[in-house]
Amino acid sequence: MKRFANLLYNLVLTPSRNRKLDYLTAYLKETPDPERGFALGALTGGLAIHTIKSGALRDIILERVDPELFAISYDYVGDLAETIALMWPSKKEGTLPSLSELIHALTTETKQELMRILPEWLDHADETERWALLKVITGNMRIGLSEKLAKTAVASLREHVSIEDIEELWHGLEPPYAQLFDWIEQRSERPAVSHALLFRPMMLSHPLEETDQAQINPQDYAAEWKWDGIRAQIAGDGIETRLFSRSGDNITDAFPDLLDGADFRGVLDGELLVMKDGKVAPFNDLQQRLNRRTVSVKMLQDYPVSMRLYDILFDGEEDVRPLPFLERRERLEAFLKKNPHPRFDISSLVPFSSLGELADVQRELRNRPELQQTEGFMLKRKTSPYLQGRIKGNWWKWKRDPLNVDVVLMYAQRGHGKRSSYYSDYTFGAWANDNGEQKLLPVGKAYSGYTDEELLKIDRWIRNNTTQRFGPVREVKPELVFELAFDGIFESARHKSGVAMRFPRISRIRWDKPVAEADTVDHLKNMIGAIRVDK
């Protein structure tokens, strides 16, 4: 456990990608099985374990330290696992389980038994080990290591093995990845995994900036609508069908209505959308279906999901990813004719002769009801194969201009990882009339769009203008205005303001603007389904 704890400690404190890769590669080389395989599973979120919620951890630490001292410490540190690790009483003599023993316990023991033995584990660990232990049992790493970098480290263990080779096997294997390491270290043949129902890494796009547009020859590209849903992949072997999220999570059970009757053989790429009366519903409707373990009959009826197809990766048993985009497009159309499904259709191509012509269409999107749920266009090189990851020049995403609104900072919360010492996550409000009195109602949250220098300035302002504290959250004086950019806005019964934004991010900080001139909730409601309001 100590070796794994030291690895986490080094990873979280190292900003350099290459240095992180060095630490992880060295760990995988020097650590025996199954420890390294379970470590890899923990780092990539691949462990199927019983996790312990943060509320239960608070109860454990509050039995041992003064509640007020804990509240002050947690507010300062900003990370629950780190706070408990630092505040736990001094280490006692005893044995700490190895990582594999810990994973076995988290897999087989009841949560009641885990709550009984967890304090004993913490008693026998030092600060770094306690922190690592708590990171594992909460399933919340947040140490700045991507799954791709972890796979790169595995690939680096053997010459002539690429991350693409690892990707093709990854979703057919489980921790502790004994078959994978046996192959990597040349003790056995390449693992024989069943490819029919596996997730394949998706092809991703680059945002099209003004500086990129000069290199676009319209004759080389096809334009396709970019719909505002959730990217997904569907794989079938003729008997069973599985649905995967963009990151490869199996989300089959959450969408039984989509998969009913889908008994084809192949792998398709597309966008999950809620469809009502033949029209794409706002993204907020799709959100009602996300992150649910079970789906009620009423939910299925109120928010029926369809899949708008973009591409085909396997046509039956044939891997068609090496084919050019236009040829794959023809195969996709033929595939759907052969395997029709009432909830599947194909995203339309948009004819164009110049980028200026597409730009004109972009400006009218919010005035066309049938296209209001598009985000813009995808530009796909006609000769491009389907490649893993983000290969610049093959696929571009050209999103329509965002909407903008001026809102007031209401609450601030500490961030995670390298931002855990700063108030970097913000809740914003707009003005609403309450019986003749103007008051702020929360309308959105954002934690991106500012520079490191601006973060320091905002953090200082928050500390000097706090009115109340709620654990790691601070309420501040309603005196600072931000301009938010966002891609869409919808009605929402979940929020008191009645509105929800799609992808809000900070556009600029309006140090110069009086809070009385910030926008109103009514203004935001008027923007629903409307064209951009310039100010």
Protein backbone atom coordinates (compact mmCIF):
# COMPACT_ATOMS: atom_id res chain seq x y z
CA MET A 1 0.00 0.00 0.00
CA LYS A 2 2.89 2.33 0.77
CA ARG A 3 4.26 2.04 -2.76
CA PHE A 4 0.85 2.87 -4.26
CA ALA A 5 0.41 5.78 -1.83
CA ASN A 6 3.78 7.21 -2.86
CA LEU A 7 2.78 6.88 -6.52
CA LEU A 8 -0.41 8.88 -5.93
CA TYR A 9 1.52 11.47 -3.94
CA ASN A 10 4.02 11.95 -6.77
CA LEU A 11 1.32 12.08 -9.44
CA VAL A 12 -0.79 14.71 -7.71
CA LEU A 13 2.19 16.97 -7.03
CA THR A 14 3.66 16.69 -10.53
CA PRO A 15 2.26 19.06 -13.19
CA SER A 16 4.45 17.67 -15.99
CA ARG A 17 2.77 15.07 -18.21
CA ASN A 18 6.07 13.41 -19.04
CA ARG A 19 7.08 13.25 -15.39
CA LYS A 20 3.75 11.65 -14.47
CA LEU A 21 4.35 9.11 -17.23
CA ASP A 22 7.80 8.35 -15.83
CA TYR A 23 6.42 7.77 -12.32
CA LEU A 24 3.65 5.47 -13.52
CA THR A 25 5.87 3.53 -15.92
CA ALA A 26 8.43 2.92 -13.17
CA TYR A 27 5.67 1.76 -10.83
CA LEU A 28 4.32 -0.72 -13.38
CA LYS A 29 7.81 -2.08 -14.05
CA GLU A 30 8.77 -2.50 -10.40
CA THR A 31 5.49 -3.62 -8.84
CA PRO A 32 4.43 -7.29 -8.98
CA ASP A 33 1.04 -8.66 -9.97
CA PRO A 34 -1.72 -8.29 -8.95
CA GLU A 35 -0.84 -5.05 -7.13
CA ARG A 36 0.03 -3.09 -10.26
CA GLY A 37 -3.11 -4.28 -12.06
CA PHE A 38 -5.35 -3.14 -9.23
CA ALA A 39 -3.47 0.17 -9.11
CA LEU A 40 -4.13 0.60 -12.83
CA GLY A 41 -7.81 -0.15 -12.24
CA ALA A 42 -8.00 2.38 -9.41
CA LEU A 43 -6.31 5.08 -11.48
CA THR A 44 -8.60 4.58 -14.49
CA GLY A 45 -11.89 4.08 -12.64
CA GLY A 46 -12.09 0.44 -13.64
CA LEU A 47 -12.75 -1.11 -10.22
CA ALA A 48 -16.17 -2.51 -9.37
CA ILE A 49 -16.01 -1.89 -5.61
CA HIS A 50 -18.25 -0.82 -2.76
CA THR A 51 -17.45 2.84 -2.23
CA ILE A 52 -18.06 4.81 0.97
CA LYS A 53 -19.86 8.15 0.77
CA SER A 54 -18.37 11.37 2.07
CA GLY A 55 -21.06 11.74 4.76
CA ALA A 56 -20.01 8.45 6.36
CA LEU A 57 -16.36 9.56 6.36
CA ARG A 58 -17.32 12.79 8.09
CA ASP A 59 -19.08 10.79 10.81
CA ILE A 60 -15.92 8.75 11.41
CA ILE A 61 -13.60 11.73 11.74
CA LEU A 62 -16.06 13.72 13.89
CA GLU A 63 -15.92 10.92 16.48
CA ARG A 64 -12.22 11.74 16.91
CA VAL A 65 -11.78 15.49 16.46
CA ASP A 66 -13.60 18.64 17.45
CA PRO A 67 -16.34 19.44 14.85
CA GLU A 68 -15.42 23.12 14.71
CA LEU A 69 -11.75 22.33 14.19
CA PHE A 70 -12.71 19.90 11.41
CA ALA A 71 -14.93 22.50 9.72
CA ILE A 72 -12.13 25.09 9.78
CA SER A 73 -9.56 22.56 8.54
CA TYR A 74 -11.81 21.26 5.75
CA ASP A 75 -12.53 24.80 4.63
CA TYR A 76 -8.82 25.51 4.43
CA VAL A 77 -7.70 22.23 2.79
CA GLY A 78 -10.69 21.84 0.46
CA ASP A 79 -10.32 18.07 -0.04
CA LEU A 80 -12.11 15.67 2.34
CA ALA A 81 -9.67 12.77 1.99
CA GLU A 82 -6.68 15.03 2.56
CA THR A 83 -8.33 16.73 5.55
CA ILE A 84 -9.12 13.41 7.26
CA ALA A 85 -5.64 12.04 6.47
CA LEU A 86 -4.00 15.05 8.11
CA MET A 87 -6.31 15.21 11.15
CA TRP A 88 -6.48 11.51 12.00
CA PRO A 89 -4.74 10.68 15.31
CA SER A 90 -1.14 9.49 15.17
CA LYS A 91 -0.30 6.15 13.61
CA LYS A 92 -0.58 3.06 15.80
CA GLU A 93 1.33 -0.19 15.51
CA GLY A 94 -0.38 -2.66 13.23
CA THR A 95 -0.60 -4.00 9.71
CA LEU A 96 -2.11 -2.11 6.80
CA PRO A 97 -3.65 -4.28 4.04
CA SER A 98 -1.94 -4.40 0.67
CA LEU A 99 -3.72 -2.76 -2.24
CA SER A 100 -4.98 -6.12 -3.52
CA GLU A 101 -6.25 -7.03 -0.03
CA LEU A 102 -7.98 -3.67 0.16
CA ILE A 103 -9.65 -4.18 -3.22
CA HIS A 104 -10.74 -7.69 -2.17
CA ALA A 105 -12.36 -6.26 0.97
CA LEU A 106 -14.05 -3.47 -0.99
CA THR A 107 -15.42 -6.09 -3.39
CA THR A 108 -16.64 -8.74 -0.93
CA GLU A 109 -17.43 -7.06 2.40
CA THR A 110 -20.70 -5.31 3.24
CA LYS A 111 -20.66 -1.55 3.73
CA GLN A 112 -21.40 -2.10 7.44
CA GLU A 113 -18.32 -4.28 7.81
CA LEU A 114 -16.21 -1.79 5.84
CA MET A 115 -17.31 0.99 8.17
CA ARG A 116 -16.22 -1.17 11.11
CA ILE A 117 -12.73 -1.97 9.83
CA LEU A 118 -11.95 1.35 8.09
CA PRO A 119 -10.94 3.12 11.34
CA GLU A 120 -8.51 0.26 12.06
CA TRP A 121 -6.91 0.69 8.65
CA LEU A 122 -6.59 4.43 9.19
CA ASP A 123 -5.06 3.83 12.62
CA HIS A 124 -2.27 1.74 11.09
CA ALA A 125 -1.47 4.10 8.20
CA ASP A 126 0.65 7.23 7.96
CA GLU A 127 -0.68 10.47 6.45
CA THR A 128 0.12 9.62 2.83
CA GLU A 129 -1.24 6.07 3.15
CA ARG A 130 -4.44 7.35 4.78
CA TRP A 131 -4.95 9.81 1.95
CA ALA A 132 -4.40 7.12 -0.70
CA LEU A 133 -6.67 4.70 1.15
CA LEU A 134 -9.50 7.24 1.29
CA LYS A 135 -9.05 8.12 -2.38
CA VAL A 136 -9.56 4.46 -3.30
CA ILE A 137 -12.57 3.77 -1.09
CA THR A 138 -14.41 6.89 -2.24
CA GLY A 139 -13.67 6.16 -5.91
CA ASN A 140 -12.65 9.80 -6.29
CA MET A 141 -9.06 10.06 -7.48
CA ARG A 142 -8.85 13.52 -9.07
CA ILE A 143 -5.06 13.42 -9.23
CA GLY A 144 -4.58 14.85 -12.71
CA LEU A 145 -3.95 11.54 -14.49
CA SER A 146 -5.99 10.73 -17.58
CA GLU A 147 -6.96 7.23 -18.63
CA LYS A 148 -5.08 7.81 -21.88
CA LEU A 149 -1.85 8.56 -20.02
CA ALA A 150 -2.26 5.38 -17.97
CA LYS A 151 -2.66 3.34 -21.18
CA THR A 152 0.38 5.09 -22.64
CA ALA A 153 2.40 3.92 -19.63
CA VAL A 154 1.28 0.33 -20.23
CA ALA A 155 2.19 0.55 -23.92
CA SER A 156 5.65 1.90 -23.06
CA LEU A 157 6.50 -1.33 -21.26
CA ARG A 158 7.03 -3.12 -24.58
CA GLU A 159 8.72 -1.96 -27.76
CA HIS A 160 6.49 -1.62 -30.83
CA VAL A 161 3.27 -1.66 -28.78
CA SER A 162 1.14 1.45 -29.28
CA ILE A 163 -1.62 2.99 -27.23
CA GLU A 164 -3.95 1.98 -30.08
CA ASP A 165 -3.02 -1.66 -29.40
CA ILE A 166 -3.90 -1.20 -25.73
CA GLU A 167 -7.16 0.58 -26.60
CA GLU A 168 -8.31 -2.34 -28.76
CA LEU A 169 -7.96 -4.73 -25.82
CA TRP A 170 -8.79 -2.49 -22.87
CA HIS A 171 -12.55 -2.90 -22.65
CA GLY A 172 -12.32 -6.67 -23.05
CA LEU A 173 -10.18 -7.06 -19.92
CA GLU A 174 -10.70 -6.40 -16.22
CA PRO A 175 -8.42 -5.55 -13.28
CA PRO A 176 -5.90 -6.77 -12.33
CA TYR A 177 -5.17 -7.17 -16.10
CA ALA A 178 -3.04 -10.31 -15.70
CA GLN A 179 -3.50 -11.29 -19.37
CA LEU A 180 -2.49 -7.81 -20.50
CA PHE A 181 0.74 -7.78 -18.49
CA ASP A 182 1.59 -11.37 -19.49
CA TRP A 183 1.36 -10.31 -23.15
CA ILE A 184 3.20 -7.02 -22.63
CA GLU A 185 6.05 -8.85 -20.90
CA GLN A 186 6.03 -11.58 -23.59
CA ARG A 187 5.01 -14.48 -21.36
CA SER A 188 1.94 -15.26 -23.48
CA GLU A 189 0.19 -14.46 -26.74
CA ARG A 190 -1.97 -11.39 -27.25
CA PRO A 191 -5.15 -11.77 -25.13
CA ALA A 192 -8.03 -13.35 -27.04
CA VAL A 193 -10.91 -11.04 -26.23
CA SER A 194 -14.35 -11.12 -27.81
CA HIS A 195 -14.44 -8.03 -30.01
CA ALA A 196 -18.10 -8.18 -31.00
CA LEU A 197 -19.44 -6.30 -27.95
CA LEU A 198 -16.44 -4.16 -27.06
CA PHE A 199 -16.19 -0.40 -27.00
CA ARG A 200 -13.91 1.08 -29.65
CA PRO A 201 -12.14 4.39 -28.93
CA MET A 202 -13.97 7.19 -30.69
CA MET A 203 -12.69 9.60 -33.28
CA LEU A 204 -12.75 13.16 -31.95
CA SER A 205 -12.67 16.59 -33.53
CA HIS A 206 -10.82 19.87 -33.14
CA PRO A 207 -12.59 23.22 -32.70
CA LEU A 208 -12.41 25.24 -35.90
CA GLU A 209 -10.78 28.56 -35.11
CA GLU A 210 -10.51 31.53 -37.47
CA THR A 211 -6.81 30.78 -37.95
CA ASP A 212 -7.70 27.26 -39.14
CA GLN A 213 -10.25 28.28 -41.73
CA ALA A 214 -7.68 29.25 -44.35
CA GLN A 215 -6.55 25.62 -44.67
CA ILE A 216 -10.07 24.33 -45.36
CA ASN A 217 -10.70 23.52 -49.01
CA PRO A 218 -14.51 23.07 -49.23
CA GLN A 219 -14.10 20.44 -51.94
CA ASP A 220 -12.18 18.21 -49.50
CA TYR A 221 -14.77 18.24 -46.72
CA ALA A 222 -18.35 17.18 -46.05
CA ALA A 223 -20.49 19.19 -43.61
CA GLU A 224 -22.78 17.47 -41.16
CA TRP A 225 -25.09 18.84 -38.46
CA LYS A 226 -23.64 18.71 -34.94
CA TRP A 227 -26.53 17.82 -32.62
CA ASP A 228 -26.72 18.80 -28.96
CA GLY A 229 -26.94 15.43 -27.26
CA ILE A 230 -24.62 12.78 -25.82
CA ARG A 231 -22.11 10.98 -28.03
CA ALA A 232 -22.55 7.21 -27.82
CA GLN A 233 -21.53 3.98 -29.47
CA ILE A 234 -23.74 0.94 -30.01
CA ALA A 235 -22.33 -2.55 -30.60
CA GLY A 236 -24.25 -5.71 -31.49
CA ASP A 237 -23.39 -9.34 -32.19
CA GLY A 238 -26.80 -10.32 -33.57
CA ILE A 239 -28.02 -11.56 -30.18
CA GLU A 240 -26.95 -9.00 -27.61
CA THR A 241 -26.62 -5.22 -28.03
CA ARG A 242 -24.66 -2.86 -25.81
CA LEU A 243 -24.57 0.93 -25.55
CA PHE A 244 -21.43 2.78 -24.49
CA SER A 245 -20.78 6.37 -23.47
CA ARG A 246 -18.06 8.46 -25.08
CA SER A 247 -15.61 7.34 -22.38
CA GLY A 248 -16.48 3.65 -22.81
CA ASP A 249 -18.84 3.17 -19.85
CA ASN A 250 -21.52 0.55 -20.44
CA ILE A 251 -24.83 2.45 -20.23
CA THR A 252 -27.01 -0.28 -21.76
CA ASP A 253 -29.35 -0.68 -18.78
CA ALA A 254 -30.23 3.04 -18.74
CA PHE A 255 -31.72 2.99 -22.27
CA PRO A 256 -33.85 -0.14 -22.73
CA ASP A 257 -36.24 1.70 -25.08
CA LEU A 258 -33.44 2.51 -27.51
CA LEU A 259 -32.10 -1.04 -27.69
CA ASP A 260 -35.40 -2.89 -27.95
CA GLY A 261 -35.35 -4.73 -31.28
CA ALA A 262 -31.77 -3.71 -32.14
CA ASP A 263 -30.46 -7.18 -33.08
CA PHE A 264 -27.92 -6.26 -35.76
CA ARG A 265 -24.24 -7.18 -36.04
CA GLY A 266 -21.92 -4.19 -36.14
CA VAL A 267 -20.70 -1.08 -34.33
CA LEU A 268 -22.25 2.37 -34.86
CA ASP A 269 -21.30 5.86 -33.71
CA GLY A 270 -23.88 8.56 -33.07
CA GLU A 271 -25.66 10.98 -30.75
CA LEU A 272 -28.26 10.18 -28.09
CA LEU A 273 -31.20 12.57 -28.36
CA VAL A 274 -34.68 12.83 -26.91
CA MET A 275 -37.14 12.94 -29.81
CA LYS A 276 -40.71 14.22 -29.50
CA ASP A 277 -43.11 14.32 -32.44
CA GLY A 278 -40.22 13.78 -34.81
CA LYS A 279 -38.25 16.75 -33.44
CA VAL A 280 -35.13 16.89 -31.30
CA ALA A 281 -36.02 18.01 -27.77
CA PRO A 282 -33.77 20.35 -25.72
CA PHE A 283 -30.74 18.85 -24.02
CA ASN A 284 -32.41 19.41 -20.66
CA ASP A 285 -34.91 16.66 -21.58
CA LEU A 286 -32.06 14.25 -22.25
CA GLN A 287 -30.52 15.12 -18.88
CA GLN A 288 -33.55 13.57 -17.19
CA ARG A 289 -32.40 10.20 -18.55
CA LEU A 290 -28.72 10.46 -17.66
CA ASN A 291 -26.96 8.85 -14.68
CA ARG A 292 -29.96 6.69 -13.71
CA ARG A 293 -29.59 3.07 -12.70
CA THR A 294 -33.27 2.34 -13.29
CA VAL A 295 -35.72 4.06 -15.59
CA SER A 296 -39.45 4.26 -14.78
CA VAL A 297 -42.18 3.65 -17.33
CA LYS A 298 -43.18 7.30 -17.03
CA MET A 299 -39.61 8.40 -17.74
CA LEU A 300 -39.54 6.23 -20.86
CA GLN A 301 -42.79 7.77 -22.03
CA ASP A 302 -41.94 11.39 -21.21
CA TYR A 303 -38.37 11.34 -22.55
CA PRO A 304 -38.12 8.83 -25.42
CA VAL A 305 -34.53 8.44 -26.60
CA SER A 306 -33.33 7.94 -30.17
CA MET A 307 -29.90 7.72 -31.76
CA ARG A 308 -28.87 9.89 -34.67
CA LEU A 309 -26.06 8.04 -36.41
CA TYR A 310 -22.83 9.63 -37.59
CA ASP A 311 -20.62 6.73 -38.60
CA ILE A 312 -20.13 2.97 -38.85
CA LEU A 313 -17.04 1.23 -37.43
CA PHE A 314 -17.92 -2.41 -38.05
CA ASP A 315 -20.31 -3.63 -40.74
CA GLY A 316 -21.08 -7.11 -39.46
CA GLU A 317 -17.68 -8.65 -38.77
CA GLU A 318 -15.86 -6.30 -41.17
CA ASP A 319 -13.77 -3.50 -39.68
CA VAL A 320 -14.57 -0.55 -41.95
CA ARG A 321 -12.66 2.10 -39.97
CA PRO A 322 -9.84 2.23 -42.56
CA LEU A 323 -12.28 3.23 -45.30
CA PRO A 324 -12.68 6.91 -46.33
CA PHE A 325 -15.49 8.84 -44.63
CA LEU A 326 -17.73 9.06 -47.70
CA GLU A 327 -17.43 5.33 -48.30
CA ARG A 328 -18.27 4.63 -44.66
CA ARG A 329 -21.23 6.96 -45.03
CA GLU A 330 -22.55 4.86 -47.93
CA ARG A 331 -22.02 1.71 -45.86
CA LEU A 332 -23.92 3.30 -42.96
CA GLU A 333 -26.89 4.16 -45.18
CA ALA A 334 -26.95 0.64 -46.62
CA PHE A 335 -26.59 -0.86 -43.13
CA LEU A 336 -29.62 1.05 -41.81
CA LYS A 337 -31.72 0.04 -44.80
CA LYS A 338 -30.81 -3.58 -44.10
CA ASN A 339 -31.34 -3.19 -40.34
CA PRO A 340 -34.13 -0.59 -39.95
CA HIS A 341 -35.00 0.57 -36.45
CA PRO A 342 -37.68 3.13 -35.49
CA ARG A 343 -35.30 4.95 -33.10
CA PHE A 344 -32.30 5.18 -35.45
CA ASP A 345 -31.72 7.67 -38.24
CA ILE A 346 -28.72 9.29 -39.93
CA SER A 347 -27.53 12.85 -39.42
CA SER A 348 -27.98 14.84 -42.62
CA LEU A 349 -25.15 16.20 -44.72
CA VAL A 350 -25.31 19.93 -45.49
CA PRO A 351 -24.37 20.95 -49.04
CA PHE A 352 -22.00 23.93 -49.25
CA SER A 353 -19.52 25.49 -51.61
CA SER A 354 -17.73 27.85 -49.20
CA LEU A 355 -17.26 28.41 -45.46
CA GLY A 356 -18.99 31.75 -45.88
CA GLU A 357 -22.09 29.92 -47.04
CA LEU A 358 -22.03 27.76 -43.91
CA ALA A 359 -21.42 30.83 -41.75
CA ASP A 360 -24.63 32.37 -43.11
CA VAL A 361 -26.52 29.24 -42.11
CA GLN A 362 -24.89 29.34 -38.66
CA ARG A 363 -26.28 32.81 -38.01
CA GLU A 364 -29.83 31.64 -38.74
CA LEU A 365 -29.83 28.45 -36.68
CA ARG A 366 -31.68 29.89 -33.70
CA ASN A 367 -34.39 31.26 -36.00
CA ARG A 368 -35.15 27.80 -37.42
CA PRO A 369 -37.15 25.70 -34.93
CA GLU A 370 -36.16 22.39 -36.53
CA LEU A 371 -32.45 23.24 -36.05
CA GLN A 372 -32.45 24.96 -32.67
CA GLN A 373 -30.97 21.85 -31.00
CA THR A 374 -27.95 21.80 -33.28
CA GLU A 375 -24.64 23.15 -32.02
CA GLY A 376 -23.36 23.96 -35.49
CA PHE A 377 -21.48 21.81 -38.00
CA MET A 378 -18.98 19.01 -38.21
CA LEU A 379 -16.54 19.30 -41.11
CA LYS A 380 -15.18 15.87 -42.04
CA ARG A 381 -12.45 15.23 -44.55
CA LYS A 382 -14.00 13.06 -47.26
CA THR A 383 -10.96 10.79 -47.45
CA SER A 384 -10.43 10.45 -43.68
CA PRO A 385 -10.41 6.99 -42.08
CA TYR A 386 -11.97 6.55 -38.63
CA LEU A 387 -9.02 7.13 -36.30
CA GLN A 388 -8.70 6.92 -32.54
CA GLY A 389 -8.49 10.19 -30.68
CA ARG A 390 -8.13 13.75 -31.92
CA ILE A 391 -6.17 13.94 -35.17
CA LYS A 392 -6.04 17.55 -36.33
CA GLY A 393 -7.18 18.25 -39.85
CA ASN A 394 -9.57 15.32 -40.31
CA TRP A 395 -12.62 16.32 -38.25
CA TRP A 396 -13.43 19.88 -37.26
CA LYS A 397 -16.31 21.07 -35.08
CA TRP A 398 -17.61 24.52 -35.97
CA LYS A 399 -19.96 25.57 -33.22
CA ARG A 400 -22.32 28.51 -33.50
CA ASP A 401 -21.58 31.65 -31.51
CA PRO A 402 -22.42 31.28 -27.80
CA LEU A 403 -25.08 33.22 -25.96
CA ASN A 404 -23.89 35.71 -23.35
CA VAL A 405 -25.33 37.08 -20.14
CA ASP A 406 -24.10 39.25 -17.25
CA VAL A 407 -24.62 37.64 -13.83
CA VAL A 408 -23.59 38.24 -10.22
CA LEU A 409 -21.27 36.02 -8.17
CA MET A 410 -23.23 34.57 -5.22
CA TYR A 411 -21.24 31.58 -3.91
CA ALA A 412 -17.72 30.20 -4.29
CA GLN A 413 -16.35 26.76 -3.54
CA ARG A 414 -12.85 25.38 -3.40
CA GLY A 415 -11.67 23.45 -6.42
CA HIS A 416 -10.00 20.05 -6.61
CA GLY A 417 -6.47 18.87 -7.24
CA LYS A 418 -4.11 21.78 -7.85
CA ARG A 419 -7.00 24.20 -7.29
CA SER A 420 -7.92 22.81 -3.87
CA SER A 421 -6.38 25.86 -2.14
CA TYR A 422 -8.38 28.35 -4.22
CA TYR A 423 -12.02 29.33 -4.57
CA SER A 424 -12.39 28.39 -8.21
CA ASP A 425 -15.96 27.00 -8.59
CA TYR A 426 -18.64 29.68 -8.76
CA THR A 427 -22.41 29.97 -8.55
CA PHE A 428 -23.97 32.96 -10.30
CA GLY A 429 -27.32 34.69 -9.96
CA ALA A 430 -29.61 36.96 -11.98
CA TRP A 431 -32.08 39.50 -10.66
CA ALA A 432 -35.71 38.52 -10.06
CA ASN A 433 -38.69 40.46 -8.73
CA ASP A 434 -40.01 39.07 -5.44
CA ASN A 435 -43.08 41.00 -4.28
CA GLY A 436 -41.64 44.25 -5.49
CA GLU A 437 -38.14 43.55 -4.17
CA GLN A 438 -35.19 42.69 -6.42
CA LYS A 439 -33.20 39.66 -5.30
CA LEU A 440 -30.73 37.26 -6.86
CA LEU A 441 -31.67 33.74 -7.89
CA PRO A 442 -28.99 31.18 -8.85
CA VAL A 443 -28.98 30.55 -12.61
CA GLY A 444 -25.74 28.68 -13.29
CA LYS A 445 -22.33 27.42 -12.20
CA ALA A 446 -18.96 27.76 -13.90
CA TYR A 447 -15.36 26.93 -13.11
CA SER A 448 -13.50 27.62 -16.35
CA GLY A 449 -12.65 30.51 -18.64
CA TYR A 450 -10.23 32.48 -16.49
CA THR A 451 -6.43 32.69 -16.35
CA ASP A 452 -4.27 31.68 -13.38
CA GLU A 453 -3.64 35.36 -12.71
CA GLU A 454 -7.38 36.10 -12.71
CA LEU A 455 -7.99 33.14 -10.38
CA LEU A 456 -5.64 34.63 -7.80
CA LYS A 457 -7.40 37.98 -8.04
CA ILE A 458 -10.89 36.42 -7.76
CA ASP A 459 -9.80 34.22 -4.84
CA ARG A 460 -8.46 37.27 -2.98
CA TRP A 461 -11.69 39.15 -3.62
CA ILE A 462 -13.80 36.23 -2.33
CA ARG A 463 -11.81 35.95 0.90
CA ASN A 464 -12.19 39.68 1.52
CA ASN A 465 -15.91 39.78 0.73
CA THR A 466 -17.28 36.65 2.43
CA THR A 467 -20.56 37.09 4.32
CA GLN A 468 -21.24 33.48 5.39
CA ARG A 469 -19.49 30.11 5.33
CA PHE A 470 -21.06 26.71 4.69
CA GLY A 471 -18.21 24.18 5.00
CA PRO A 472 -16.05 24.60 1.87
CA VAL A 473 -18.55 27.06 0.35
CA ARG A 474 -18.57 30.81 0.91
CA GLU A 475 -21.39 33.25 0.30
CA VAL A 476 -20.07 36.60 -0.87
CA LYS A 477 -21.31 40.14 -1.12
CA PRO A 478 -23.36 40.57 -4.33
CA GLU A 479 -20.91 43.04 -5.83
CA LEU A 480 -18.97 41.29 -8.61
CA VAL A 481 -20.35 40.79 -12.13
CA PHE A 482 -19.20 38.11 -14.60
CA GLU A 483 -20.08 37.66 -18.24
CA LEU A 484 -20.97 34.03 -18.91
CA ALA A 485 -20.96 32.41 -22.34
CA PHE A 486 -23.12 29.34 -22.88
CA ASP A 487 -24.38 27.20 -25.73
CA GLY A 488 -28.08 26.99 -24.89
CA ILE A 489 -30.69 27.74 -22.27
CA PHE A 490 -33.71 25.71 -21.26
CA GLU A 491 -36.65 25.71 -18.91
CA SER A 492 -35.86 23.74 -15.75
CA ALA A 493 -38.19 22.78 -12.93
CA ARG A 494 -35.17 21.72 -10.86
CA HIS A 495 -33.98 25.31 -10.40
CA LYS A 496 -35.83 28.03 -8.52
CA SER A 497 -35.05 30.47 -11.31
CA GLY A 498 -36.77 28.15 -13.80
CA VAL A 499 -33.83 28.13 -16.24
CA ALA A 500 -30.71 26.04 -16.86
CA MET A 501 -27.70 26.83 -19.05
CA ARG A 502 -25.86 24.43 -21.34
CA PHE A 503 -22.03 24.51 -20.94
CA PRO A 504 -21.70 27.80 -19.05
CA ARG A 505 -18.17 29.22 -18.85
CA ILE A 506 -16.69 32.54 -17.85
CA SER A 507 -16.18 34.88 -20.77
CA ARG A 508 -14.80 37.82 -18.80
CA ILE A 509 -14.88 39.43 -15.37
CA ARG A 510 -16.79 42.69 -15.32
CA TRP A 511 -14.89 44.52 -12.58
CA ASP A 512 -16.23 47.72 -14.12
CA LYS A 513 -19.93 46.89 -14.20
CA PRO A 514 -22.41 47.83 -11.40
CA VAL A 515 -24.36 44.84 -10.11
CA ALA A 516 -27.63 46.69 -10.70
CA GLU A 517 -26.93 46.39 -14.44
CA ALA A 518 -26.60 42.59 -14.36
CA ASP A 519 -29.27 40.68 -16.28
CA THR A 520 -32.60 39.47 -14.97
CA VAL A 521 -34.15 36.01 -14.85
CA ASP A 522 -36.85 37.31 -17.20
CA HIS A 523 -34.13 38.25 -19.70
CA LEU A 524 -32.75 34.71 -19.56
CA LYS A 525 -36.21 33.21 -20.03
CA ASN A 526 -36.71 35.40 -23.09
CA MET A 527 -33.51 33.94 -24.54
CA ILE A 528 -34.91 30.41 -24.53
CA GLY A 529 -35.19 29.40 -28.17
CA ALA A 530 -34.34 32.92 -29.29
CA ILE A 531 -31.44 34.34 -31.25
CA ARG A 532 -28.49 35.84 -29.44
CA VAL A 533 -29.13 39.15 -27.70
CA ASP A 534 -26.14 41.44 -28.18
CA LYS A 535 -25.50 44.12 -25.61
